[in-house]
Amino acid sequence: MNSHSTFISIINLKLCAMKKLIFCLLLFVGMGIGHSQIVLKESKVEYIPRSLEMDAVSNSVSLTIPESYVGEFEEDPLTFIQDNFNINQLIRDNEQNDYDSYQVFFKSKKGRVLANFDKEGELVTTFHRFKNVNLPDDVRLEILRGHKNSKVVKNTHILTTKDLMINKEYFIVKIKAGNATRRLRVERNAQGVSLAGL
């Protein structure tokens, strides 16, 4: 009986030690997960470059856009630039050169925008060029009207603005029907959408 109670005591000690070990492991795992969350929050990339000095050769600045999700910049580049770009910092970082205007290239995975600012920091004109964008409904319908059995293979969206108003907008679209491919130019303006072959 004495050996039996000793055996049970040993088992109880081992179970107690196992419980403590499991608790410690869970504690370490919990701390590890908590620490990784803190590290992720601290390593978030902000769109605030340290220096915006203009390149002496091209008299421009090139910036790569850190998007929160793919396509964020192309959805509304002008709003993105106005909300996230500090033109006053650019002017301050280049005040020794007394520029009359500032050219800034904004680049993303899908394309780029060239923005021209005046001496006071007002956005004067922009040139947008993006590839393989989601075509607007009116553009897709216009393509389908003239080419019912075709599918869009590639596209390029080109747009220019002046004083924050769209000046010119068109799409170069490559379509495929069977083995035949064709390029189209789809113009988009206040009067509507028009289609032309290239």
N, C-alpha and C. Protein backbone atom coordinates (compact mmCIF):
# COMPACT_ATOMS: atom_id res chain seq x y z
N MET A 1 0.82 -1.18 0.00
CA MET A 1 0.00 0.00 0.00
C MET A 1 0.87 1.25 0.00
N ASN A 2 1.96 1.18 0.74
CA ASN A 2 2.88 2.29 0.84
C ASN A 2 3.53 2.57 -0.52
N SER A 3 3.92 1.50 -1.21
CA SER A 3 4.53 1.68 -2.53
C SER A 3 3.51 2.21 -3.54
N HIS A 4 2.27 1.79 -3.37
CA HIS A 4 1.20 2.27 -4.25
C HIS A 4 0.98 3.77 -4.07
N SER A 5 0.95 4.26 -2.82
CA SER A 5 0.77 5.70 -2.57
C SER A 5 2.00 6.48 -3.04
N THR A 6 3.19 5.88 -2.95
CA THR A 6 4.40 6.53 -3.46
C THR A 6 4.32 6.66 -4.98
N PHE A 7 3.83 5.62 -5.63
CA PHE A 7 3.68 5.62 -7.09
C PHE A 7 2.69 6.70 -7.52
N ILE A 8 1.57 6.83 -6.79
CA ILE A 8 0.56 7.85 -7.10
C ILE A 8 1.14 9.24 -6.86
N SER A 9 1.94 9.40 -5.81
CA SER A 9 2.57 10.70 -5.54
C SER A 9 3.51 11.09 -6.67
N ILE A 10 4.26 10.11 -7.18
CA ILE A 10 5.18 10.39 -8.29
C ILE A 10 4.40 10.80 -9.54
N ILE A 11 3.30 10.10 -9.80
CA ILE A 11 2.47 10.44 -10.97
C ILE A 11 1.89 11.85 -10.80
N ASN A 12 1.41 12.17 -9.60
CA ASN A 12 0.86 13.50 -9.34
C ASN A 12 1.92 14.58 -9.53
N LEU A 13 3.16 14.32 -9.08
CA LEU A 13 4.25 15.28 -9.26
C LEU A 13 4.55 15.49 -10.75
N LYS A 14 4.55 14.37 -11.49
CA LYS A 14 4.82 14.47 -12.94
C LYS A 14 3.70 15.24 -13.64
N LEU A 15 2.45 14.96 -13.25
CA LEU A 15 1.33 15.68 -13.84
C LEU A 15 1.41 17.17 -13.52
N CYS A 16 1.76 17.47 -12.29
CA CYS A 16 1.90 18.87 -11.88
C CYS A 16 3.02 19.56 -12.68
N ALA A 17 4.14 18.85 -12.84
CA ALA A 17 5.26 19.39 -13.63
C ALA A 17 4.84 19.59 -15.09
N MET A 18 4.08 18.64 -15.65
CA MET A 18 3.60 18.74 -17.04
C MET A 18 2.66 19.94 -17.20
N LYS A 19 1.76 20.14 -16.21
CA LYS A 19 0.84 21.28 -16.26
C LYS A 19 1.62 22.59 -16.26
N LYS A 20 2.64 22.67 -15.39
CA LYS A 20 3.47 23.89 -15.33
C LYS A 20 4.20 24.11 -16.66
N LEU A 21 4.72 23.01 -17.23
CA LEU A 21 5.42 23.11 -18.51
C LEU A 21 4.48 23.60 -19.61
N ILE A 22 3.29 23.02 -19.68
CA ILE A 22 2.30 23.44 -20.69
C ILE A 22 1.91 24.89 -20.47
N PHE A 23 1.69 25.29 -19.22
CA PHE A 23 1.35 26.68 -18.93
C PHE A 23 2.46 27.63 -19.39
N CYS A 24 3.72 27.25 -19.09
CA CYS A 24 4.87 28.08 -19.51
C CYS A 24 4.94 28.19 -21.03
N LEU A 25 4.73 27.06 -21.71
CA LEU A 25 4.75 27.08 -23.18
C LEU A 25 3.66 27.99 -23.74
N LEU A 26 2.45 27.87 -23.20
CA LEU A 26 1.35 28.73 -23.64
C LEU A 26 1.67 30.20 -23.36
N LEU A 27 2.28 30.47 -22.23
CA LEU A 27 2.66 31.84 -21.89
C LEU A 27 3.67 32.39 -22.89
N PHE A 28 4.70 31.57 -23.22
CA PHE A 28 5.70 32.01 -24.22
C PHE A 28 5.08 32.23 -25.59
N VAL A 29 4.18 31.33 -26.00
CA VAL A 29 3.51 31.48 -27.31
C VAL A 29 2.68 32.76 -27.32
N GLY A 30 1.93 32.99 -26.24
CA GLY A 30 1.12 34.21 -26.14
C GLY A 30 1.97 35.47 -26.20
N MET A 31 3.12 35.44 -25.48
CA MET A 31 4.02 36.60 -25.52
C MET A 31 4.60 36.80 -26.90
N GLY A 32 4.92 35.68 -27.58
CA GLY A 32 5.47 35.77 -28.94
C GLY A 32 4.49 36.38 -29.90
N ILE A 33 3.22 35.95 -29.82
CA ILE A 33 2.18 36.51 -30.70
C ILE A 33 1.98 37.99 -30.39
N GLY A 34 1.91 38.33 -29.12
CA GLY A 34 1.75 39.74 -28.73
C GLY A 34 2.89 40.60 -29.21
N HIS A 35 4.11 40.08 -29.09
CA HIS A 35 5.29 40.84 -29.54
C HIS A 35 5.28 41.03 -31.05
N SER A 36 4.88 40.00 -31.79
CA SER A 36 4.86 40.14 -33.25
C SER A 36 3.83 41.18 -33.68
N GLN A 37 2.71 41.30 -32.95
CA GLN A 37 1.73 42.32 -33.26
C GLN A 37 2.32 43.71 -33.08
N ILE A 38 3.06 43.90 -32.02
CA ILE A 38 3.69 45.20 -31.75
C ILE A 38 4.70 45.51 -32.84
N VAL A 39 5.50 44.54 -33.25
CA VAL A 39 6.51 44.77 -34.28
C VAL A 39 5.84 45.16 -35.60
N LEU A 40 4.73 44.49 -35.96
CA LEU A 40 4.04 44.83 -37.20
C LEU A 40 3.53 46.26 -37.18
N LYS A 41 2.97 46.69 -36.06
CA LYS A 41 2.46 48.05 -35.97
C LYS A 41 3.59 49.07 -36.09
N GLU A 42 4.73 48.79 -35.47
CA GLU A 42 5.85 49.73 -35.50
C GLU A 42 6.50 49.81 -36.87
N SER A 43 6.41 48.73 -37.68
CA SER A 43 7.11 48.73 -38.96
C SER A 43 6.24 49.23 -40.11
N LYS A 44 5.07 49.81 -39.84
CA LYS A 44 4.20 50.33 -40.88
C LYS A 44 4.92 51.43 -41.66
N VAL A 45 4.84 51.35 -43.00
CA VAL A 45 5.53 52.32 -43.85
C VAL A 45 4.65 53.56 -44.02
N GLU A 46 5.18 54.69 -43.73
CA GLU A 46 4.47 55.94 -43.91
C GLU A 46 4.94 56.60 -45.20
N TYR A 47 4.06 57.37 -45.85
CA TYR A 47 4.40 58.04 -47.10
C TYR A 47 4.95 59.43 -46.81
N ILE A 48 6.05 59.48 -46.05
CA ILE A 48 6.68 60.76 -45.73
C ILE A 48 8.18 60.62 -45.98
N PRO A 49 8.65 60.88 -47.20
CA PRO A 49 10.08 60.76 -47.46
C PRO A 49 10.86 61.78 -46.64
N ARG A 50 12.07 61.41 -46.23
CA ARG A 50 12.88 62.32 -45.40
C ARG A 50 13.32 63.54 -46.17
N SER A 51 13.73 63.34 -47.42
CA SER A 51 14.21 64.46 -48.22
C SER A 51 13.55 64.43 -49.59
N LEU A 52 13.12 65.58 -50.04
CA LEU A 52 12.50 65.69 -51.36
C LEU A 52 13.33 66.61 -52.25
N GLU A 53 14.64 66.44 -52.20
CA GLU A 53 15.49 67.27 -53.05
C GLU A 53 15.34 66.86 -54.50
N MET A 54 15.22 67.86 -55.37
CA MET A 54 15.05 67.62 -56.80
C MET A 54 16.37 67.12 -57.39
N ASP A 55 16.26 66.23 -58.38
CA ASP A 55 17.42 65.74 -59.09
C ASP A 55 17.99 66.88 -59.93
N ALA A 56 19.29 67.11 -59.83
CA ALA A 56 19.92 68.25 -60.52
C ALA A 56 19.88 68.10 -62.03
N VAL A 57 19.88 66.89 -62.55
CA VAL A 57 19.89 66.67 -64.00
C VAL A 57 18.48 66.81 -64.59
N SER A 58 17.51 66.12 -64.00
CA SER A 58 16.14 66.12 -64.57
C SER A 58 15.24 67.21 -63.99
N ASN A 59 15.71 67.89 -62.95
CA ASN A 59 14.89 68.89 -62.24
C ASN A 59 13.54 68.32 -61.83
N SER A 60 13.55 67.09 -61.32
CA SER A 60 12.32 66.44 -60.89
C SER A 60 12.61 65.53 -59.70
N VAL A 61 11.54 65.03 -59.09
CA VAL A 61 11.63 64.09 -57.99
C VAL A 61 10.80 62.86 -58.37
N SER A 62 11.34 61.66 -58.11
CA SER A 62 10.59 60.43 -58.36
C SER A 62 10.31 59.74 -57.04
N LEU A 63 9.04 59.38 -56.83
CA LEU A 63 8.62 58.73 -55.60
C LEU A 63 7.85 57.46 -55.92
N THR A 64 8.15 56.39 -55.20
CA THR A 64 7.40 55.15 -55.35
C THR A 64 6.30 55.14 -54.30
N ILE A 65 5.09 54.85 -54.76
CA ILE A 65 3.92 54.89 -53.88
C ILE A 65 3.78 53.60 -53.09
N PRO A 66 3.74 53.68 -51.75
CA PRO A 66 3.45 52.48 -50.95
C PRO A 66 1.94 52.34 -50.78
N GLU A 67 1.33 51.48 -51.59
CA GLU A 67 -0.11 51.31 -51.55
C GLU A 67 -0.53 50.37 -50.42
N SER A 68 -1.67 50.65 -49.79
CA SER A 68 -2.22 49.77 -48.77
C SER A 68 -2.76 48.49 -49.41
N TYR A 69 -3.23 48.61 -50.66
CA TYR A 69 -3.70 47.46 -51.42
C TYR A 69 -3.44 47.74 -52.90
N VAL A 70 -3.36 46.70 -53.70
CA VAL A 70 -3.05 46.85 -55.12
C VAL A 70 -4.16 47.64 -55.78
N GLY A 71 -3.78 48.69 -56.50
CA GLY A 71 -4.76 49.51 -57.21
C GLY A 71 -5.24 50.72 -56.44
N GLU A 72 -4.79 50.91 -55.21
CA GLU A 72 -5.25 52.04 -54.40
C GLU A 72 -4.92 53.37 -55.08
N PHE A 73 -3.69 53.49 -55.58
CA PHE A 73 -3.25 54.74 -56.19
C PHE A 73 -3.99 55.02 -57.50
N GLU A 74 -4.16 54.00 -58.33
CA GLU A 74 -4.79 54.20 -59.65
C GLU A 74 -6.27 54.54 -59.55
N GLU A 75 -6.93 54.16 -58.44
CA GLU A 75 -8.36 54.45 -58.29
C GLU A 75 -8.64 55.95 -58.35
N ASP A 76 -7.83 56.74 -57.67
CA ASP A 76 -8.01 58.20 -57.65
C ASP A 76 -6.67 58.86 -57.31
N PRO A 77 -5.77 58.93 -58.32
CA PRO A 77 -4.43 59.46 -58.06
C PRO A 77 -4.41 60.89 -57.51
N LEU A 78 -5.29 61.76 -58.01
CA LEU A 78 -5.27 63.15 -57.56
C LEU A 78 -5.61 63.26 -56.07
N THR A 79 -6.62 62.53 -55.64
CA THR A 79 -6.97 62.55 -54.22
C THR A 79 -5.84 61.95 -53.39
N PHE A 80 -5.25 60.85 -53.88
CA PHE A 80 -4.14 60.22 -53.17
C PHE A 80 -2.98 61.20 -53.00
N ILE A 81 -2.63 61.91 -54.06
CA ILE A 81 -1.53 62.88 -54.01
C ILE A 81 -1.86 64.01 -53.04
N GLN A 82 -3.07 64.56 -53.14
CA GLN A 82 -3.46 65.67 -52.25
C GLN A 82 -3.49 65.24 -50.78
N ASP A 83 -3.92 64.00 -50.53
CA ASP A 83 -4.03 63.52 -49.14
C ASP A 83 -2.69 63.08 -48.55
N ASN A 84 -1.75 62.63 -49.40
CA ASN A 84 -0.54 61.98 -48.88
C ASN A 84 0.78 62.66 -49.22
N PHE A 85 0.76 63.64 -50.11
CA PHE A 85 2.01 64.27 -50.52
C PHE A 85 2.10 65.68 -49.96
N ASN A 86 3.25 65.99 -49.36
CA ASN A 86 3.46 67.30 -48.75
C ASN A 86 4.28 68.18 -49.70
N ILE A 87 3.61 68.96 -50.53
CA ILE A 87 4.29 69.83 -51.49
C ILE A 87 5.10 70.90 -50.77
N ASN A 88 4.66 71.32 -49.59
CA ASN A 88 5.41 72.34 -48.85
C ASN A 88 6.77 71.83 -48.41
N GLN A 89 6.87 70.55 -48.09
CA GLN A 89 8.17 69.97 -47.75
C GLN A 89 9.08 69.99 -48.98
N LEU A 90 8.54 69.68 -50.15
CA LEU A 90 9.32 69.72 -51.39
C LEU A 90 9.86 71.13 -51.63
N ILE A 91 9.02 72.11 -51.45
CA ILE A 91 9.44 73.51 -51.66
C ILE A 91 10.53 73.88 -50.65
N ARG A 92 10.34 73.50 -49.38
CA ARG A 92 11.35 73.80 -48.33
C ARG A 92 12.68 73.12 -48.64
N ASP A 93 12.62 71.85 -49.06
CA ASP A 93 13.86 71.10 -49.31
C ASP A 93 14.61 71.61 -50.54
N ASN A 94 13.98 72.45 -51.35
CA ASN A 94 14.62 72.95 -52.57
C ASN A 94 14.65 74.47 -52.65
N GLU A 95 14.43 75.14 -51.53
CA GLU A 95 14.34 76.61 -51.56
C GLU A 95 15.65 77.28 -51.97
N GLN A 96 16.79 76.62 -51.75
CA GLN A 96 18.07 77.22 -52.13
C GLN A 96 18.21 77.35 -53.66
N ASN A 97 17.43 76.57 -54.42
CA ASN A 97 17.54 76.61 -55.89
C ASN A 97 16.53 77.55 -56.54
N ASP A 98 15.53 78.02 -55.80
CA ASP A 98 14.53 78.99 -56.28
C ASP A 98 13.89 78.53 -57.60
N TYR A 99 13.27 77.35 -57.57
CA TYR A 99 12.60 76.82 -58.76
C TYR A 99 11.30 77.58 -59.04
N ASP A 100 10.95 77.71 -60.33
CA ASP A 100 9.67 78.32 -60.73
C ASP A 100 8.54 77.30 -60.72
N SER A 101 8.90 76.01 -60.86
CA SER A 101 7.90 74.94 -60.85
C SER A 101 8.57 73.65 -60.38
N TYR A 102 7.73 72.66 -60.08
CA TYR A 102 8.23 71.39 -59.55
C TYR A 102 7.56 70.23 -60.28
N GLN A 103 8.37 69.30 -60.77
CA GLN A 103 7.87 68.09 -61.41
C GLN A 103 8.08 66.92 -60.47
N VAL A 104 7.00 66.19 -60.21
CA VAL A 104 7.09 65.03 -59.32
C VAL A 104 6.50 63.81 -60.04
N PHE A 105 7.30 62.74 -60.13
CA PHE A 105 6.84 61.47 -60.71
C PHE A 105 6.40 60.57 -59.56
N PHE A 106 5.14 60.17 -59.58
CA PHE A 106 4.61 59.21 -58.61
C PHE A 106 4.49 57.87 -59.33
N LYS A 107 5.14 56.84 -58.81
CA LYS A 107 5.15 55.53 -59.48
C LYS A 107 4.52 54.48 -58.58
N SER A 108 3.74 53.59 -59.21
CA SER A 108 3.18 52.44 -58.51
C SER A 108 3.41 51.22 -59.39
N LYS A 109 2.95 50.06 -58.94
CA LYS A 109 3.15 48.83 -59.71
C LYS A 109 2.39 48.88 -61.04
N LYS A 110 1.29 49.62 -61.08
CA LYS A 110 0.44 49.65 -62.27
C LYS A 110 0.75 50.81 -63.22
N GLY A 111 1.51 51.80 -62.77
CA GLY A 111 1.77 52.93 -63.66
C GLY A 111 2.38 54.11 -62.94
N ARG A 112 2.14 55.30 -63.52
CA ARG A 112 2.76 56.50 -62.96
C ARG A 112 1.93 57.74 -63.23
N VAL A 113 2.20 58.77 -62.46
CA VAL A 113 1.59 60.08 -62.66
C VAL A 113 2.71 61.11 -62.59
N LEU A 114 2.76 61.98 -63.60
CA LEU A 114 3.67 63.12 -63.57
C LEU A 114 2.84 64.32 -63.14
N ALA A 115 3.19 64.92 -62.01
CA ALA A 115 2.46 66.07 -61.49
C ALA A 115 3.34 67.30 -61.58
N ASN A 116 2.78 68.37 -62.12
CA ASN A 116 3.49 69.65 -62.23
C ASN A 116 2.86 70.65 -61.26
N PHE A 117 3.69 71.15 -60.34
CA PHE A 117 3.26 72.13 -59.35
C PHE A 117 3.90 73.48 -59.68
N ASP A 118 3.19 74.58 -59.39
CA ASP A 118 3.79 75.90 -59.60
C ASP A 118 4.64 76.28 -58.39
N LYS A 119 5.19 77.49 -58.43
CA LYS A 119 6.11 77.96 -57.39
C LYS A 119 5.46 78.00 -56.00
N GLU A 120 4.14 78.25 -55.96
CA GLU A 120 3.41 78.32 -54.69
C GLU A 120 2.95 76.95 -54.19
N GLY A 121 3.15 75.91 -55.00
CA GLY A 121 2.75 74.57 -54.59
C GLY A 121 1.38 74.15 -55.07
N GLU A 122 0.78 74.90 -56.00
CA GLU A 122 -0.52 74.53 -56.56
C GLU A 122 -0.31 73.50 -57.67
N LEU A 123 -1.16 72.48 -57.69
CA LEU A 123 -1.10 71.45 -58.72
C LEU A 123 -1.67 72.03 -60.01
N VAL A 124 -0.84 72.13 -61.06
CA VAL A 124 -1.23 72.77 -62.30
C VAL A 124 -1.72 71.74 -63.32
N THR A 125 -0.87 70.77 -63.65
CA THR A 125 -1.23 69.74 -64.63
C THR A 125 -0.74 68.37 -64.15
N THR A 126 -1.37 67.33 -64.68
CA THR A 126 -0.90 65.97 -64.42
C THR A 126 -1.01 65.14 -65.70
N PHE A 127 -0.17 64.14 -65.80
CA PHE A 127 -0.23 63.15 -66.88
C PHE A 127 -0.23 61.79 -66.22
N HIS A 128 -1.28 60.99 -66.47
CA HIS A 128 -1.44 59.67 -65.85
C HIS A 128 -1.28 58.60 -66.93
N ARG A 129 -0.59 57.53 -66.59
CA ARG A 129 -0.48 56.38 -67.48
C ARG A 129 -0.47 55.11 -66.62
N PHE A 130 -1.54 54.31 -66.75
CA PHE A 130 -1.67 53.07 -65.99
C PHE A 130 -1.96 51.92 -66.93
N LYS A 131 -1.43 50.75 -66.61
CA LYS A 131 -1.64 49.58 -67.47
C LYS A 131 -2.55 48.56 -66.80
N ASN A 132 -3.33 47.89 -67.63
CA ASN A 132 -4.22 46.80 -67.20
C ASN A 132 -5.09 47.18 -66.00
N VAL A 133 -5.84 48.26 -66.20
CA VAL A 133 -6.75 48.74 -65.16
C VAL A 133 -8.12 48.08 -65.34
N ASN A 134 -8.97 48.19 -64.33
CA ASN A 134 -10.36 47.76 -64.48
C ASN A 134 -11.06 48.80 -65.35
N LEU A 135 -11.52 48.37 -66.52
CA LEU A 135 -12.15 49.32 -67.44
C LEU A 135 -13.50 49.78 -66.88
N PRO A 136 -13.80 51.07 -67.02
CA PRO A 136 -15.13 51.56 -66.60
C PRO A 136 -16.23 50.89 -67.43
N ASP A 137 -17.43 50.84 -66.87
CA ASP A 137 -18.55 50.17 -67.53
C ASP A 137 -18.83 50.74 -68.91
N ASP A 138 -18.83 52.08 -69.05
CA ASP A 138 -19.14 52.68 -70.35
C ASP A 138 -18.11 52.31 -71.42
N VAL A 139 -16.86 52.17 -71.03
CA VAL A 139 -15.80 51.78 -71.97
C VAL A 139 -15.98 50.33 -72.39
N ARG A 140 -16.26 49.45 -71.42
CA ARG A 140 -16.48 48.03 -71.74
C ARG A 140 -17.68 47.84 -72.65
N LEU A 141 -18.76 48.58 -72.38
CA LEU A 141 -19.96 48.47 -73.22
C LEU A 141 -19.69 48.93 -74.65
N GLU A 142 -18.92 50.00 -74.79
CA GLU A 142 -18.59 50.50 -76.13
C GLU A 142 -17.77 49.48 -76.91
N ILE A 143 -16.84 48.82 -76.24
CA ILE A 143 -16.04 47.78 -76.91
C ILE A 143 -16.93 46.61 -77.31
N LEU A 144 -17.83 46.19 -76.41
CA LEU A 144 -18.72 45.06 -76.71
C LEU A 144 -19.70 45.36 -77.84
N ARG A 145 -20.13 46.63 -77.95
CA ARG A 145 -21.04 47.00 -79.05
C ARG A 145 -20.41 46.72 -80.41
N GLY A 146 -19.16 47.09 -80.55
CA GLY A 146 -18.50 46.92 -81.86
C GLY A 146 -17.81 45.57 -82.03
N HIS A 147 -17.51 44.89 -80.94
CA HIS A 147 -16.74 43.63 -81.01
C HIS A 147 -17.31 42.64 -80.00
N LYS A 148 -18.48 42.08 -80.32
CA LYS A 148 -19.25 41.25 -79.38
C LYS A 148 -18.51 40.01 -78.89
N ASN A 149 -17.81 39.33 -79.75
CA ASN A 149 -17.19 38.06 -79.38
C ASN A 149 -15.72 38.19 -78.98
N SER A 150 -15.31 39.38 -78.65
CA SER A 150 -13.90 39.58 -78.31
C SER A 150 -13.72 39.73 -76.81
N LYS A 151 -12.48 39.53 -76.38
CA LYS A 151 -12.16 39.74 -74.97
C LYS A 151 -10.95 40.66 -74.88
N VAL A 152 -10.94 41.48 -73.84
CA VAL A 152 -9.84 42.44 -73.63
C VAL A 152 -8.64 41.68 -73.07
N VAL A 153 -7.50 41.82 -73.76
CA VAL A 153 -6.27 41.13 -73.34
C VAL A 153 -5.38 42.07 -72.52
N LYS A 154 -5.23 43.30 -72.99
CA LYS A 154 -4.40 44.31 -72.32
C LYS A 154 -5.06 45.66 -72.48
N ASN A 155 -4.71 46.59 -71.60
CA ASN A 155 -5.17 47.97 -71.80
C ASN A 155 -4.22 48.95 -71.13
N THR A 156 -4.25 50.16 -71.62
CA THR A 156 -3.49 51.27 -71.04
C THR A 156 -4.44 52.45 -70.91
N HIS A 157 -4.47 53.04 -69.73
CA HIS A 157 -5.34 54.19 -69.46
C HIS A 157 -4.45 55.44 -69.41
N ILE A 158 -4.77 56.41 -70.26
CA ILE A 158 -4.01 57.66 -70.31
C ILE A 158 -4.96 58.82 -70.04
N LEU A 159 -4.53 59.71 -69.15
CA LEU A 159 -5.39 60.82 -68.74
C LEU A 159 -4.51 62.03 -68.44
N THR A 160 -4.98 63.20 -68.82
CA THR A 160 -4.29 64.44 -68.45
C THR A 160 -5.29 65.36 -67.75
N THR A 161 -4.77 66.15 -66.81
CA THR A 161 -5.61 67.12 -66.12
C THR A 161 -4.96 68.49 -66.16
N LYS A 162 -5.82 69.50 -66.04
CA LYS A 162 -5.34 70.88 -65.91
C LYS A 162 -6.21 71.52 -64.84
N ASP A 163 -5.59 72.09 -63.82
CA ASP A 163 -6.30 72.71 -62.70
C ASP A 163 -7.34 71.75 -62.11
N LEU A 164 -6.92 70.50 -61.90
CA LEU A 164 -7.72 69.45 -61.28
C LEU A 164 -8.93 69.01 -62.11
N MET A 165 -9.04 69.45 -63.35
CA MET A 165 -10.12 69.03 -64.25
C MET A 165 -9.53 68.14 -65.34
N ILE A 166 -10.27 67.08 -65.70
CA ILE A 166 -9.79 66.18 -66.76
C ILE A 166 -9.77 66.93 -68.09
N ASN A 167 -8.62 66.91 -68.70
CA ASN A 167 -8.40 67.60 -69.96
C ASN A 167 -8.58 66.63 -71.14
N LYS A 168 -8.04 65.43 -70.98
CA LYS A 168 -8.09 64.40 -72.02
C LYS A 168 -8.01 63.03 -71.36
N GLU A 169 -8.81 62.08 -71.88
CA GLU A 169 -8.79 60.73 -71.34
C GLU A 169 -9.07 59.73 -72.45
N TYR A 170 -8.25 58.71 -72.52
CA TYR A 170 -8.50 57.62 -73.47
C TYR A 170 -7.85 56.33 -73.01
N PHE A 171 -8.27 55.24 -73.62
CA PHE A 171 -7.78 53.90 -73.33
C PHE A 171 -7.26 53.29 -74.61
N ILE A 172 -6.08 52.70 -74.58
CA ILE A 172 -5.58 51.88 -75.68
C ILE A 172 -5.84 50.44 -75.25
N VAL A 173 -6.66 49.74 -76.03
CA VAL A 173 -7.11 48.41 -75.63
C VAL A 173 -6.72 47.39 -76.69
N LYS A 174 -6.16 46.28 -76.25
CA LYS A 174 -5.87 45.17 -77.15
C LYS A 174 -6.94 44.11 -76.92
N ILE A 175 -7.67 43.76 -78.00
CA ILE A 175 -8.72 42.76 -77.88
C ILE A 175 -8.37 41.54 -78.71
N LYS A 176 -8.98 40.41 -78.35
CA LYS A 176 -8.72 39.17 -79.06
C LYS A 176 -10.05 38.48 -79.33
N ALA A 177 -10.24 38.05 -80.58
CA ALA A 177 -11.41 37.28 -80.98
C ALA A 177 -10.89 36.08 -81.76
N GLY A 178 -10.95 34.90 -81.16
CA GLY A 178 -10.35 33.71 -81.79
C GLY A 178 -8.85 33.87 -81.83
N ASN A 179 -8.26 33.78 -83.04
CA ASN A 179 -6.81 33.96 -83.21
C ASN A 179 -6.45 35.39 -83.59
N ALA A 180 -7.45 36.20 -83.89
CA ALA A 180 -7.19 37.57 -84.35
C ALA A 180 -7.12 38.54 -83.17
N THR A 181 -6.12 39.42 -83.21
CA THR A 181 -6.01 40.48 -82.19
C THR A 181 -6.11 41.82 -82.89
N ARG A 182 -6.57 42.80 -82.14
CA ARG A 182 -6.74 44.14 -82.70
C ARG A 182 -6.55 45.16 -81.58
N ARG A 183 -6.03 46.32 -81.94
CA ARG A 183 -5.88 47.41 -80.97
C ARG A 183 -6.92 48.48 -81.25
N LEU A 184 -7.51 48.98 -80.17
CA LEU A 184 -8.53 50.02 -80.27
C LEU A 184 -8.15 51.19 -79.38
N ARG A 185 -8.64 52.35 -79.77
CA ARG A 185 -8.49 53.55 -78.93
C ARG A 185 -9.91 53.97 -78.54
N VAL A 186 -10.14 54.04 -77.23
CA VAL A 186 -11.46 54.43 -76.73
C VAL A 186 -11.33 55.79 -76.07
N GLU A 187 -11.91 56.80 -76.72
CA GLU A 187 -11.89 58.17 -76.19
C GLU A 187 -13.03 58.34 -75.19
N ARG A 188 -12.76 59.07 -74.13
CA ARG A 188 -13.80 59.32 -73.11
C ARG A 188 -13.78 60.80 -72.77
N ASN A 189 -14.94 61.47 -72.96
CA ASN A 189 -15.02 62.89 -72.63
C ASN A 189 -16.44 63.24 -72.18
N ALA A 190 -16.73 64.52 -72.04
CA ALA A 190 -18.04 64.97 -71.54
C ALA A 190 -19.18 64.54 -72.48
N GLN A 191 -18.88 64.39 -73.76
CA GLN A 191 -19.92 64.00 -74.73
C GLN A 191 -20.19 62.49 -74.68
N GLY A 192 -19.31 61.71 -74.09
CA GLY A 192 -19.50 60.28 -74.01
C GLY A 192 -18.25 59.52 -74.39
N VAL A 193 -18.45 58.33 -74.93
CA VAL A 193 -17.35 57.43 -75.28
C VAL A 193 -17.38 57.16 -76.77
N SER A 194 -16.22 57.20 -77.42
CA SER A 194 -16.15 56.87 -78.85
C SER A 194 -15.01 55.89 -79.08
N LEU A 195 -15.20 55.05 -80.08
CA LEU A 195 -14.29 53.94 -80.36
C LEU A 195 -13.65 54.13 -81.72
N ALA A 196 -12.34 53.90 -81.80
CA ALA A 196 -11.63 53.98 -83.08
C ALA A 196 -10.58 52.89 -83.13
N GLY A 197 -10.35 52.32 -84.31
CA GLY A 197 -9.30 51.32 -84.47
C GLY A 197 -7.95 51.99 -84.60
N LEU A 198 -6.91 51.26 -84.34
CA LEU A 198 -5.53 51.79 -84.50
C LEU A 198 -4.84 51.11 -85.64
